[in-house]
Amino acid sequence: MAEIGKVLLIIAFVIIAFGGGLYIRTFLTRRAIFRVIEIFYRHDALGKNGAKTLQELGLERPDLLQRMTKPRDYKQNALQILMKEGIINVDENGRVYMIEEKLDQSLRRKR
């Protein structure tokens, strides 16, 4: 009976650790979404006329050395999510811009 209790305790610990990891990842991604939106507002990259390159916005992908030496940056993940939602678009020259009208109220309130 004592061994079953130990096994159940280990299983519970693994489930809690896995759930905690997912929660932290979701929290950091959501925070990065607000930061990416803030960057677009700060650089006035709203609409096609204000489109900027990822380099101008400071959102370019880090190189291998930067990825190995710095903590994980969730802004790239957030940028992909916003692109899939149609909030951020890419023009024919490869510049990106945000369509403010597509932001829902929860994202606007943090602005």
Protein backbone atom coordinates (compact mmCIF):
# COMPACT_ATOMS: atom_id res chain seq x y z
CA MET A 1 0.00 0.00 0.00
CA ALA A 2 2.82 2.41 0.81
CA GLU A 3 4.33 1.90 -2.64
CA ILE A 4 1.02 2.74 -4.33
CA GLY A 5 0.92 5.97 -2.32
CA LYS A 6 4.45 6.85 -3.48
CA VAL A 7 3.58 6.13 -7.11
CA LEU A 8 0.42 8.26 -6.88
CA LEU A 9 2.42 11.07 -5.28
CA ILE A 10 4.97 10.96 -8.11
CA ILE A 11 2.22 10.92 -10.74
CA ALA A 12 0.50 13.89 -9.05
CA PHE A 13 3.81 15.78 -8.94
CA VAL A 14 4.46 15.15 -12.64
CA ILE A 15 0.94 16.31 -13.58
CA ILE A 16 1.30 19.48 -11.47
CA ALA A 17 4.75 20.21 -12.93
CA PHE A 18 3.47 19.72 -16.49
CA GLY A 19 0.43 21.93 -15.85
CA GLY A 20 2.62 24.58 -14.24
CA GLY A 21 4.92 24.59 -17.24
CA LEU A 22 1.99 25.07 -19.60
CA TYR A 23 0.60 27.87 -17.43
CA ILE A 24 3.94 29.71 -17.37
CA ARG A 25 4.35 29.39 -21.14
CA THR A 26 0.82 30.72 -21.71
CA PHE A 27 1.41 33.61 -19.30
CA LEU A 28 4.69 34.60 -20.97
CA THR A 29 3.17 34.37 -24.46
CA ARG A 30 0.22 36.55 -23.47
CA ARG A 31 2.57 39.12 -21.93
CA ALA A 32 4.64 39.10 -25.14
CA ILE A 33 1.50 39.72 -27.22
CA PHE A 34 0.88 42.95 -25.30
CA ARG A 35 4.52 43.96 -25.72
CA VAL A 36 4.42 43.37 -29.49
CA ILE A 37 1.23 45.43 -29.77
CA GLU A 38 2.91 48.19 -27.75
CA ILE A 39 5.91 48.13 -30.12
CA PHE A 40 3.61 48.61 -33.12
CA TYR A 41 1.90 51.55 -31.41
CA ARG A 42 5.22 53.10 -30.35
CA HIS A 43 6.58 52.94 -33.91
CA ASP A 44 3.23 54.02 -35.40
CA ALA A 45 3.16 50.92 -37.60
CA LEU A 46 -0.61 51.09 -38.00
CA GLY A 47 -2.02 50.51 -41.47
CA LYS A 48 -0.17 50.08 -44.76
CA ASN A 49 1.15 53.65 -44.73
CA GLY A 50 2.99 53.09 -41.46
CA ALA A 51 4.41 49.65 -42.30
CA LYS A 52 7.90 48.95 -40.95
CA THR A 53 10.43 46.16 -41.30
CA LEU A 54 10.95 43.73 -38.46
CA GLN A 55 14.43 45.22 -38.00
CA GLU A 56 12.99 48.72 -37.56
CA LEU A 57 10.60 47.38 -34.94
CA GLY A 58 13.29 45.34 -33.17
CA LEU A 59 11.37 42.10 -33.77
CA GLU A 60 13.82 40.24 -36.01
CA ARG A 61 14.64 36.66 -35.15
CA PRO A 62 17.66 36.33 -32.88
CA ASP A 63 20.61 34.45 -34.29
CA LEU A 64 21.87 31.18 -32.84
CA LEU A 65 24.36 32.79 -30.44
CA GLN A 66 21.70 35.15 -29.05
CA ARG A 67 19.28 32.27 -28.58
CA MET A 68 21.91 30.29 -26.69
CA THR A 69 23.03 33.11 -24.40
CA LYS A 70 19.78 34.95 -23.61
CA PRO A 71 16.59 33.79 -21.95
CA ARG A 72 13.80 32.76 -24.28
CA ASP A 73 11.98 35.67 -25.92
CA TYR A 74 8.32 34.97 -26.59
CA LYS A 75 7.86 37.98 -28.92
CA GLN A 76 8.44 35.83 -32.03
CA ASN A 77 5.75 33.43 -30.87
CA ALA A 78 3.42 36.36 -30.11
CA LEU A 79 4.10 37.86 -33.54
CA GLN A 80 3.12 34.59 -35.23
CA ILE A 81 -0.09 34.39 -33.19
CA LEU A 82 -1.04 37.97 -34.12
CA MET A 83 -0.30 37.23 -37.80
CA LYS A 84 -2.52 34.12 -37.74
CA GLU A 85 -5.32 36.19 -36.20
CA GLY A 86 -4.99 38.76 -39.00
CA ILE A 87 -4.10 41.58 -36.59
CA ILE A 88 -0.62 41.96 -38.08
CA ASN A 89 -0.19 41.79 -41.84
CA VAL A 90 2.78 41.77 -44.20
CA ASP A 91 2.78 44.01 -47.29
CA GLU A 92 4.27 43.15 -50.67
CA ASN A 93 7.66 44.60 -49.63
CA GLY A 94 7.90 42.38 -46.55
CA ARG A 95 7.10 45.18 -44.11
CA VAL A 96 4.64 44.56 -41.29
CA TYR A 97 1.81 46.66 -39.95
CA MET A 98 -0.99 46.27 -37.43
CA ILE A 99 -4.68 46.65 -38.17
CA GLU A 100 -5.95 48.36 -35.04
CA GLU A 101 -9.61 47.65 -35.81
CA LYS A 102 -9.02 43.91 -35.48
CA LEU A 103 -7.84 44.15 -31.87
CA ASP A 104 -10.48 42.90 -29.50
CA GLN A 105 -11.36 44.78 -26.32
CA SER A 106 -9.09 42.73 -24.04
CA LEU A 107 -6.05 43.63 -26.13
CA ARG A 108 -7.02 47.31 -26.49
CA ARG A 109 -7.50 47.83 -22.77
CA LYS A 110 -3.85 47.00 -22.01
CA ARG A 111 -2.66 49.65 -24.46
